Amino acid sequence: MAKLTATDSVTGAVKGTVAGTVGGLGEYLREQRRQARLSLRQLAEESDVSNPYLSQIERGLRRPSAEVLQQIAKALRISAESLYVRAGILDADASGPRMVEDAIALDPRLTERQKSSLIDIYRSFVGAADDDQQDQTRDASERTENNTHHVQEDTAP
């Protein structure tokens, strides 16, 4: 009977996590492909990735490179960032807003013009929120600076 070490246990856990990430990516890709109404062959042609390799990715048997994910994303008309998150290449917090844009882009009920308009509106709101956040941060910094200045005046001899 083989003896398991702590290293074997950690290695097994890492492999399980990677397999879960790759499998999740495959399921996500299959769903995106179906929503785009593309067959595996069509996606292979549009992404310039072989049909068998795409099939292996969808089944969770292969972990594609960032370059292959970018080609697939372009063919599916979704952000490469959303695929990078699913593949564990990028942190989810860094690409959350981009997923909203992907959802808009994938909605089959919208025309291209409607999609473009909605994405522009979304970006204007997100940009406004970012501007508000920057204004609040700047205001807080100025208040802190002013308070520090007043304290220094009060303690001066």
N, C-alpha and C. Protein backbone atom coordinates (compact mmCIF):
# COMPACT_ATOMS: atom_id res chain seq x y z
N MET A 1 0.83 -1.18 0.00
CA MET A 1 0.00 0.00 0.00
C MET A 1 0.89 1.25 0.00
N ALA A 2 0.59 2.24 -0.84
CA ALA A 2 1.41 3.45 -0.96
C ALA A 2 1.11 4.40 0.20
N LYS A 3 2.13 5.07 0.67
CA LYS A 3 1.99 6.01 1.77
C LYS A 3 1.84 7.42 1.19
N LEU A 4 0.77 8.14 1.62
CA LEU A 4 0.55 9.50 1.14
C LEU A 4 1.27 10.48 2.04
N THR A 5 1.90 11.46 1.43
CA THR A 5 2.59 12.50 2.20
C THR A 5 1.77 13.79 2.14
N ALA A 6 2.17 14.77 2.92
CA ALA A 6 1.49 16.08 2.89
C ALA A 6 1.62 16.71 1.52
N THR A 7 2.75 16.51 0.86
CA THR A 7 2.97 17.06 -0.48
C THR A 7 1.98 16.45 -1.46
N ASP A 8 1.76 15.13 -1.36
CA ASP A 8 0.80 14.47 -2.24
C ASP A 8 -0.59 15.05 -2.05
N SER A 9 -0.93 15.33 -0.80
CA SER A 9 -2.25 15.89 -0.49
C SER A 9 -2.42 17.28 -1.09
N VAL A 10 -1.39 18.11 -0.94
CA VAL A 10 -1.44 19.47 -1.50
C VAL A 10 -1.49 19.41 -3.02
N THR A 11 -0.67 18.55 -3.61
CA THR A 11 -0.65 18.40 -5.06
C THR A 11 -2.02 17.97 -5.58
N GLY A 12 -2.64 17.03 -4.89
CA GLY A 12 -3.98 16.58 -5.28
C GLY A 12 -5.00 17.69 -5.18
N ALA A 13 -4.91 18.51 -4.13
CA ALA A 13 -5.85 19.62 -3.97
C ALA A 13 -5.68 20.64 -5.08
N VAL A 14 -4.42 20.95 -5.44
CA VAL A 14 -4.16 21.91 -6.52
C VAL A 14 -4.68 21.37 -7.84
N LYS A 15 -4.42 20.09 -8.11
CA LYS A 15 -4.92 19.49 -9.35
C LYS A 15 -6.43 19.53 -9.40
N GLY A 16 -7.08 19.29 -8.27
CA GLY A 16 -8.55 19.35 -8.21
C GLY A 16 -9.07 20.74 -8.49
N THR A 17 -8.38 21.75 -7.96
CA THR A 17 -8.78 23.14 -8.19
C THR A 17 -8.60 23.50 -9.66
N VAL A 18 -7.47 23.12 -10.24
CA VAL A 18 -7.21 23.41 -11.66
C VAL A 18 -8.26 22.70 -12.52
N ALA A 19 -8.54 21.44 -12.21
CA ALA A 19 -9.53 20.70 -12.98
C ALA A 19 -10.89 21.36 -12.87
N GLY A 20 -11.25 21.85 -11.68
CA GLY A 20 -12.52 22.54 -11.51
C GLY A 20 -12.58 23.83 -12.30
N THR A 21 -11.48 24.56 -12.32
CA THR A 21 -11.41 25.81 -13.08
C THR A 21 -11.52 25.53 -14.57
N VAL A 22 -10.79 24.56 -15.05
CA VAL A 22 -10.82 24.22 -16.47
C VAL A 22 -12.20 23.72 -16.86
N GLY A 23 -12.79 22.87 -16.03
CA GLY A 23 -14.14 22.37 -16.31
C GLY A 23 -15.16 23.49 -16.33
N GLY A 24 -15.06 24.42 -15.37
CA GLY A 24 -15.95 25.57 -15.33
C GLY A 24 -15.80 26.44 -16.57
N LEU A 25 -14.57 26.58 -17.02
CA LEU A 25 -14.30 27.33 -18.24
C LEU A 25 -14.98 26.66 -19.43
N GLY A 26 -14.83 25.33 -19.51
CA GLY A 26 -15.43 24.59 -20.63
C GLY A 26 -16.94 24.73 -20.67
N GLU A 27 -17.57 24.61 -19.50
CA GLU A 27 -19.03 24.78 -19.44
C GLU A 27 -19.43 26.19 -19.85
N TYR A 28 -18.68 27.17 -19.37
CA TYR A 28 -18.96 28.56 -19.70
C TYR A 28 -18.81 28.80 -21.21
N LEU A 29 -17.73 28.27 -21.79
CA LEU A 29 -17.52 28.42 -23.24
C LEU A 29 -18.64 27.77 -24.03
N ARG A 30 -19.04 26.58 -23.63
CA ARG A 30 -20.13 25.88 -24.33
C ARG A 30 -21.41 26.73 -24.28
N GLU A 31 -21.70 27.29 -23.12
CA GLU A 31 -22.91 28.11 -22.98
C GLU A 31 -22.81 29.37 -23.84
N GLN A 32 -21.64 30.01 -23.85
CA GLN A 32 -21.47 31.21 -24.67
C GLN A 32 -21.59 30.88 -26.16
N ARG A 33 -21.04 29.74 -26.55
CA ARG A 33 -21.13 29.31 -27.95
C ARG A 33 -22.58 29.05 -28.33
N ARG A 34 -23.31 28.41 -27.45
CA ARG A 34 -24.73 28.12 -27.73
C ARG A 34 -25.55 29.41 -27.80
N GLN A 35 -25.26 30.34 -26.90
CA GLN A 35 -25.98 31.62 -26.94
C GLN A 35 -25.66 32.39 -28.22
N ALA A 36 -24.46 32.23 -28.71
CA ALA A 36 -24.07 32.88 -29.97
C ALA A 36 -24.59 32.11 -31.18
N ARG A 37 -25.22 30.97 -30.91
CA ARG A 37 -25.79 30.11 -31.96
C ARG A 37 -24.76 29.65 -32.97
N LEU A 38 -23.63 29.20 -32.42
CA LEU A 38 -22.55 28.70 -33.25
C LEU A 38 -22.34 27.22 -32.95
N SER A 39 -22.08 26.45 -34.00
CA SER A 39 -21.69 25.06 -33.80
C SER A 39 -20.22 25.06 -33.41
N LEU A 40 -19.75 23.93 -32.94
CA LEU A 40 -18.34 23.81 -32.59
C LEU A 40 -17.48 24.05 -33.82
N ARG A 41 -17.91 23.53 -34.96
CA ARG A 41 -17.16 23.74 -36.21
C ARG A 41 -17.11 25.21 -36.60
N GLN A 42 -18.25 25.90 -36.47
CA GLN A 42 -18.28 27.32 -36.82
C GLN A 42 -17.34 28.12 -35.93
N LEU A 43 -17.37 27.81 -34.61
CA LEU A 43 -16.49 28.51 -33.69
C LEU A 43 -15.02 28.21 -34.03
N ALA A 44 -14.74 26.98 -34.39
CA ALA A 44 -13.38 26.61 -34.77
C ALA A 44 -12.91 27.44 -35.97
N GLU A 45 -13.78 27.58 -36.96
CA GLU A 45 -13.43 28.37 -38.15
C GLU A 45 -13.23 29.83 -37.81
N GLU A 46 -14.14 30.39 -37.02
CA GLU A 46 -14.07 31.82 -36.71
C GLU A 46 -12.92 32.17 -35.76
N SER A 47 -12.56 31.23 -34.89
CA SER A 47 -11.50 31.52 -33.91
C SER A 47 -10.13 31.05 -34.37
N ASP A 48 -10.10 30.26 -35.45
CA ASP A 48 -8.86 29.68 -35.95
C ASP A 48 -8.20 28.77 -34.90
N VAL A 49 -9.08 28.05 -34.16
CA VAL A 49 -8.66 27.05 -33.18
C VAL A 49 -9.26 25.74 -33.65
N SER A 50 -8.51 24.67 -33.61
CA SER A 50 -9.02 23.41 -34.16
C SER A 50 -10.26 22.91 -33.43
N ASN A 51 -11.11 22.26 -34.20
CA ASN A 51 -12.35 21.70 -33.68
C ASN A 51 -12.07 20.71 -32.54
N PRO A 52 -11.15 19.75 -32.69
CA PRO A 52 -10.88 18.81 -31.59
C PRO A 52 -10.38 19.51 -30.33
N TYR A 53 -9.54 20.54 -30.51
CA TYR A 53 -9.00 21.26 -29.34
C TYR A 53 -10.13 22.00 -28.62
N LEU A 54 -11.02 22.66 -29.38
CA LEU A 54 -12.16 23.34 -28.77
C LEU A 54 -13.04 22.34 -28.00
N SER A 55 -13.24 21.19 -28.59
CA SER A 55 -14.04 20.16 -27.93
C SER A 55 -13.40 19.74 -26.61
N GLN A 56 -12.09 19.59 -26.60
CA GLN A 56 -11.38 19.21 -25.38
C GLN A 56 -11.48 20.31 -24.33
N ILE A 57 -11.42 21.57 -24.76
CA ILE A 57 -11.55 22.69 -23.82
C ILE A 57 -12.95 22.66 -23.21
N GLU A 58 -13.98 22.51 -24.04
CA GLU A 58 -15.36 22.50 -23.55
C GLU A 58 -15.61 21.34 -22.58
N ARG A 59 -14.94 20.23 -22.80
CA ARG A 59 -15.12 19.07 -21.93
C ARG A 59 -14.22 19.13 -20.70
N GLY A 60 -13.42 20.20 -20.58
CA GLY A 60 -12.57 20.37 -19.42
C GLY A 60 -11.31 19.54 -19.43
N LEU A 61 -10.93 19.06 -20.61
CA LEU A 61 -9.74 18.22 -20.72
C LEU A 61 -8.47 19.01 -20.98
N ARG A 62 -8.61 20.21 -21.49
CA ARG A 62 -7.45 21.05 -21.81
C ARG A 62 -7.65 22.43 -21.21
N ARG A 63 -6.51 23.04 -20.85
CA ARG A 63 -6.50 24.42 -20.36
C ARG A 63 -5.82 25.27 -21.42
N PRO A 64 -6.58 26.11 -22.11
CA PRO A 64 -6.01 26.89 -23.21
C PRO A 64 -5.15 28.05 -22.71
N SER A 65 -4.27 28.49 -23.57
CA SER A 65 -3.42 29.65 -23.27
C SER A 65 -4.26 30.92 -23.36
N ALA A 66 -3.70 32.01 -22.86
CA ALA A 66 -4.37 33.31 -22.94
C ALA A 66 -4.61 33.71 -24.40
N GLU A 67 -3.66 33.37 -25.27
CA GLU A 67 -3.80 33.70 -26.69
C GLU A 67 -4.98 32.96 -27.32
N VAL A 68 -5.13 31.68 -27.02
CA VAL A 68 -6.25 30.90 -27.55
C VAL A 68 -7.57 31.44 -26.99
N LEU A 69 -7.58 31.78 -25.71
CA LEU A 69 -8.79 32.36 -25.11
C LEU A 69 -9.17 33.67 -25.80
N GLN A 70 -8.17 34.45 -26.15
CA GLN A 70 -8.43 35.72 -26.83
C GLN A 70 -9.05 35.47 -28.21
N GLN A 71 -8.55 34.47 -28.93
CA GLN A 71 -9.12 34.14 -30.24
C GLN A 71 -10.57 33.66 -30.10
N ILE A 72 -10.83 32.86 -29.10
CA ILE A 72 -12.18 32.35 -28.87
C ILE A 72 -13.11 33.50 -28.48
N ALA A 73 -12.64 34.38 -27.59
CA ALA A 73 -13.44 35.51 -27.16
C ALA A 73 -13.81 36.41 -28.34
N LYS A 74 -12.87 36.64 -29.20
CA LYS A 74 -13.12 37.48 -30.37
C LYS A 74 -14.20 36.85 -31.26
N ALA A 75 -14.09 35.54 -31.46
CA ALA A 75 -15.08 34.84 -32.30
C ALA A 75 -16.46 34.84 -31.65
N LEU A 76 -16.52 34.77 -30.33
CA LEU A 76 -17.80 34.76 -29.62
C LEU A 76 -18.32 36.17 -29.34
N ARG A 77 -17.48 37.16 -29.62
CA ARG A 77 -17.82 38.56 -29.37
C ARG A 77 -18.09 38.81 -27.89
N ILE A 78 -17.20 38.26 -27.07
CA ILE A 78 -17.23 38.52 -25.63
C ILE A 78 -15.84 38.99 -25.23
N SER A 79 -15.72 39.49 -24.02
CA SER A 79 -14.42 39.98 -23.59
C SER A 79 -13.48 38.82 -23.26
N ALA A 80 -12.25 38.99 -23.63
CA ALA A 80 -11.24 38.00 -23.26
C ALA A 80 -11.10 37.96 -21.74
N GLU A 81 -11.32 39.09 -21.09
CA GLU A 81 -11.20 39.15 -19.63
C GLU A 81 -12.15 38.18 -18.95
N SER A 82 -13.37 38.05 -19.47
CA SER A 82 -14.33 37.13 -18.85
C SER A 82 -13.83 35.69 -18.94
N LEU A 83 -13.16 35.37 -20.04
CA LEU A 83 -12.59 34.03 -20.18
C LEU A 83 -11.36 33.87 -19.29
N TYR A 84 -10.57 34.92 -19.17
CA TYR A 84 -9.39 34.86 -18.31
C TYR A 84 -9.81 34.62 -16.85
N VAL A 85 -10.90 35.24 -16.43
CA VAL A 85 -11.41 35.03 -15.07
C VAL A 85 -11.82 33.58 -14.89
N ARG A 86 -12.57 33.05 -15.87
CA ARG A 86 -13.02 31.66 -15.79
C ARG A 86 -11.85 30.69 -15.81
N ALA A 87 -10.79 31.04 -16.49
CA ALA A 87 -9.62 30.17 -16.58
C ALA A 87 -8.69 30.34 -15.39
N GLY A 88 -8.98 31.33 -14.53
CA GLY A 88 -8.14 31.56 -13.37
C GLY A 88 -6.91 32.40 -13.67
N ILE A 89 -6.89 33.04 -14.83
CA ILE A 89 -5.76 33.88 -15.22
C ILE A 89 -5.87 35.27 -14.60
N LEU A 90 -7.10 35.77 -14.51
CA LEU A 90 -7.37 37.10 -13.95
C LEU A 90 -8.23 37.00 -12.71
N ASP A 91 -8.12 37.98 -11.83
CA ASP A 91 -8.96 38.08 -10.64
C ASP A 91 -10.33 38.60 -11.04
N ALA A 92 -11.39 38.01 -10.49
CA ALA A 92 -12.75 38.37 -10.84
C ALA A 92 -13.07 39.82 -10.52
N ASP A 93 -12.52 40.38 -9.44
CA ASP A 93 -12.81 41.76 -9.06
C ASP A 93 -12.36 42.75 -10.11
N ALA A 94 -11.32 42.42 -10.83
CA ALA A 94 -10.77 43.33 -11.83
C ALA A 94 -11.63 43.40 -13.09
N SER A 95 -12.51 42.45 -13.32
CA SER A 95 -13.24 42.44 -14.58
C SER A 95 -14.75 42.40 -14.42
N GLY A 96 -15.27 42.66 -13.24
CA GLY A 96 -16.71 42.62 -13.00
C GLY A 96 -17.53 43.48 -13.95
N PRO A 97 -17.20 44.77 -14.10
CA PRO A 97 -17.98 45.61 -15.01
C PRO A 97 -17.98 45.11 -16.45
N ARG A 98 -16.91 44.48 -16.87
CA ARG A 98 -16.82 44.00 -18.25
C ARG A 98 -17.86 42.91 -18.51
N MET A 99 -18.22 42.15 -17.49
CA MET A 99 -19.20 41.08 -17.65
C MET A 99 -20.58 41.65 -17.97
N VAL A 100 -20.87 42.84 -17.47
CA VAL A 100 -22.13 43.50 -17.80
C VAL A 100 -22.18 43.79 -19.29
N GLU A 101 -21.07 44.28 -19.81
CA GLU A 101 -20.99 44.56 -21.24
C GLU A 101 -21.13 43.28 -22.06
N ASP A 102 -20.56 42.20 -21.57
CA ASP A 102 -20.71 40.91 -22.27
C ASP A 102 -22.17 40.49 -22.32
N ALA A 103 -22.88 40.66 -21.21
CA ALA A 103 -24.29 40.26 -21.17
C ALA A 103 -25.10 41.07 -22.18
N ILE A 104 -24.81 42.34 -22.28
CA ILE A 104 -25.50 43.19 -23.27
C ILE A 104 -25.16 42.70 -24.68
N ALA A 105 -23.88 42.46 -24.93
CA ALA A 105 -23.45 42.06 -26.27
C ALA A 105 -24.03 40.71 -26.70
N LEU A 106 -24.31 39.84 -25.75
CA LEU A 106 -24.82 38.50 -26.08
C LEU A 106 -26.34 38.41 -26.18
N ASP A 107 -27.04 39.45 -25.78
CA ASP A 107 -28.50 39.39 -25.79
C ASP A 107 -29.02 39.36 -27.24
N PRO A 108 -29.62 38.26 -27.66
CA PRO A 108 -30.06 38.13 -29.05
C PRO A 108 -31.26 39.01 -29.40
N ARG A 109 -31.93 39.54 -28.40
CA ARG A 109 -33.11 40.38 -28.65
C ARG A 109 -32.75 41.80 -29.03
N LEU A 110 -31.49 42.18 -28.85
CA LEU A 110 -31.07 43.56 -29.12
C LEU A 110 -30.39 43.67 -30.48
N THR A 111 -30.62 44.79 -31.14
CA THR A 111 -29.91 45.06 -32.39
C THR A 111 -28.49 45.53 -32.04
N GLU A 112 -27.62 45.56 -33.03
CA GLU A 112 -26.25 46.02 -32.79
C GLU A 112 -26.25 47.47 -32.31
N ARG A 113 -27.13 48.28 -32.88
CA ARG A 113 -27.20 49.69 -32.48
C ARG A 113 -27.65 49.80 -31.02
N GLN A 114 -28.66 49.01 -30.63
CA GLN A 114 -29.13 49.02 -29.24
C GLN A 114 -28.02 48.57 -28.29
N LYS A 115 -27.30 47.53 -28.68
CA LYS A 115 -26.21 47.04 -27.84
C LYS A 115 -25.16 48.14 -27.64
N SER A 116 -24.80 48.78 -28.73
CA SER A 116 -23.80 49.83 -28.67
C SER A 116 -24.26 50.97 -27.76
N SER A 117 -25.53 51.36 -27.91
CA SER A 117 -26.08 52.44 -27.09
C SER A 117 -26.09 52.07 -25.61
N LEU A 118 -26.54 50.86 -25.31
CA LEU A 118 -26.59 50.42 -23.91
C LEU A 118 -25.19 50.37 -23.29
N ILE A 119 -24.24 49.89 -24.05
CA ILE A 119 -22.87 49.84 -23.53
C ILE A 119 -22.33 51.25 -23.30
N ASP A 120 -22.62 52.18 -24.21
CA ASP A 120 -22.20 53.57 -24.02
C ASP A 120 -22.83 54.17 -22.76
N ILE A 121 -24.12 53.91 -22.57
CA ILE A 121 -24.82 54.43 -21.39
C ILE A 121 -24.23 53.82 -20.13
N TYR A 122 -24.03 52.51 -20.14
CA TYR A 122 -23.44 51.83 -18.98
C TYR A 122 -22.08 52.43 -18.64
N ARG A 123 -21.25 52.60 -19.66
CA ARG A 123 -19.92 53.16 -19.42
C ARG A 123 -20.00 54.58 -18.88
N SER A 124 -20.99 55.35 -19.33
CA SER A 124 -21.12 56.72 -18.82
C SER A 124 -21.50 56.70 -17.34
N PHE A 125 -22.35 55.76 -16.93
CA PHE A 125 -22.72 55.66 -15.52
C PHE A 125 -21.54 55.16 -14.68
N VAL A 126 -20.86 54.15 -15.17
CA VAL A 126 -19.72 53.60 -14.43
C VAL A 126 -18.63 54.65 -14.34
N GLY A 127 -18.40 55.36 -15.44
CA GLY A 127 -17.41 56.43 -15.43
C GLY A 127 -17.79 57.53 -14.46
N ALA A 128 -19.10 57.87 -14.41
CA ALA A 128 -19.58 58.88 -13.47
C ALA A 128 -19.38 58.41 -12.04
N ALA A 129 -19.63 57.13 -11.79
CA ALA A 129 -19.43 56.57 -10.46
C ALA A 129 -17.96 56.62 -10.09
N ASP A 130 -17.09 56.31 -11.05
CA ASP A 130 -15.65 56.37 -10.80
C ASP A 130 -15.22 57.80 -10.52
N ASP A 131 -15.79 58.78 -11.28
CA ASP A 131 -15.48 60.19 -11.07
C ASP A 131 -15.93 60.63 -9.68
N ASP A 132 -17.15 60.20 -9.27
CA ASP A 132 -17.66 60.52 -7.94
C ASP A 132 -16.73 59.97 -6.86
N GLN A 133 -16.29 58.73 -7.05
CA GLN A 133 -15.38 58.09 -6.09
C GLN A 133 -14.08 58.88 -6.00
N GLN A 134 -13.55 59.30 -7.16
CA GLN A 134 -12.31 60.07 -7.16
C GLN A 134 -12.52 61.41 -6.48
N ASP A 135 -13.69 62.06 -6.72
CA ASP A 135 -13.99 63.34 -6.07
C ASP A 135 -14.06 63.17 -4.56
N GLN A 136 -14.73 62.10 -4.10
CA GLN A 136 -14.85 61.85 -2.66
C GLN A 136 -13.48 61.59 -2.05
N THR A 137 -12.64 60.85 -2.74
CA THR A 137 -11.29 60.57 -2.24
C THR A 137 -10.48 61.85 -2.16
N ARG A 138 -10.59 62.70 -3.22
CA ARG A 138 -9.88 63.97 -3.23
C ARG A 138 -10.36 64.87 -2.10
N ASP A 139 -11.70 64.95 -1.90
CA ASP A 139 -12.26 65.77 -0.82
C ASP A 139 -11.78 65.28 0.54
N ALA A 140 -11.76 63.98 0.75
CA ALA A 140 -11.30 63.42 2.03
C ALA A 140 -9.84 63.75 2.26
N SER A 141 -9.04 63.67 1.19
CA SER A 141 -7.61 63.99 1.32
C SER A 141 -7.42 65.46 1.68
N GLU A 142 -8.22 66.32 1.05
CA GLU A 142 -8.12 67.75 1.34
C GLU A 142 -8.54 68.05 2.76
N ARG A 143 -9.62 67.39 3.25
CA ARG A 143 -10.06 67.59 4.63
C ARG A 143 -8.98 67.13 5.61
N THR A 144 -8.37 66.02 5.34
CA THR A 144 -7.30 65.50 6.19
C THR A 144 -6.12 66.46 6.20
N GLU A 145 -5.79 66.97 5.02
CA GLU A 145 -4.68 67.91 4.90
C GLU A 145 -5.00 69.20 5.66
N ASN A 146 -6.23 69.71 5.54
CA ASN A 146 -6.63 70.92 6.24
C ASN A 146 -6.62 70.71 7.75
N ASN A 147 -7.12 69.53 8.20
CA ASN A 147 -7.12 69.25 9.65
C ASN A 147 -5.70 69.17 10.18
N THR A 148 -4.81 68.58 9.43
CA THR A 148 -3.41 68.47 9.84
C THR A 148 -2.80 69.86 9.93
N HIS A 149 -3.14 70.74 8.98
CA HIS A 149 -2.62 72.10 8.95
C HIS A 149 -3.10 72.86 10.19
N HIS A 150 -4.40 72.72 10.55
CA HIS A 150 -4.95 73.41 11.71
C HIS A 150 -4.32 72.90 13.00
N VAL A 151 -4.09 71.62 13.10
CA VAL A 151 -3.45 71.07 14.29
C VAL A 151 -2.05 71.62 14.44
N GLN A 152 -1.32 71.75 13.34
CA GLN A 152 0.02 72.29 13.41
C GLN A 152 0.00 73.74 13.85
N GLU A 153 -1.00 74.53 13.41
CA GLU A 153 -1.12 75.93 13.81
C GLU A 153 -1.42 76.03 15.30
N ASP A 154 -2.32 75.14 15.80
CA ASP A 154 -2.71 75.18 17.19
C ASP A 154 -1.56 74.83 18.13
N THR A 155 -0.66 74.00 17.69
CA THR A 155 0.44 73.56 18.54
C THR A 155 1.68 74.41 18.38
N ALA A 156 1.66 75.39 17.48
CA ALA A 156 2.82 76.23 17.26
C ALA A 156 3.00 77.15 18.46
N PRO A 157 4.27 77.44 18.89
CA PRO A 157 4.51 78.30 20.07
C PRO A 157 4.18 79.75 19.84
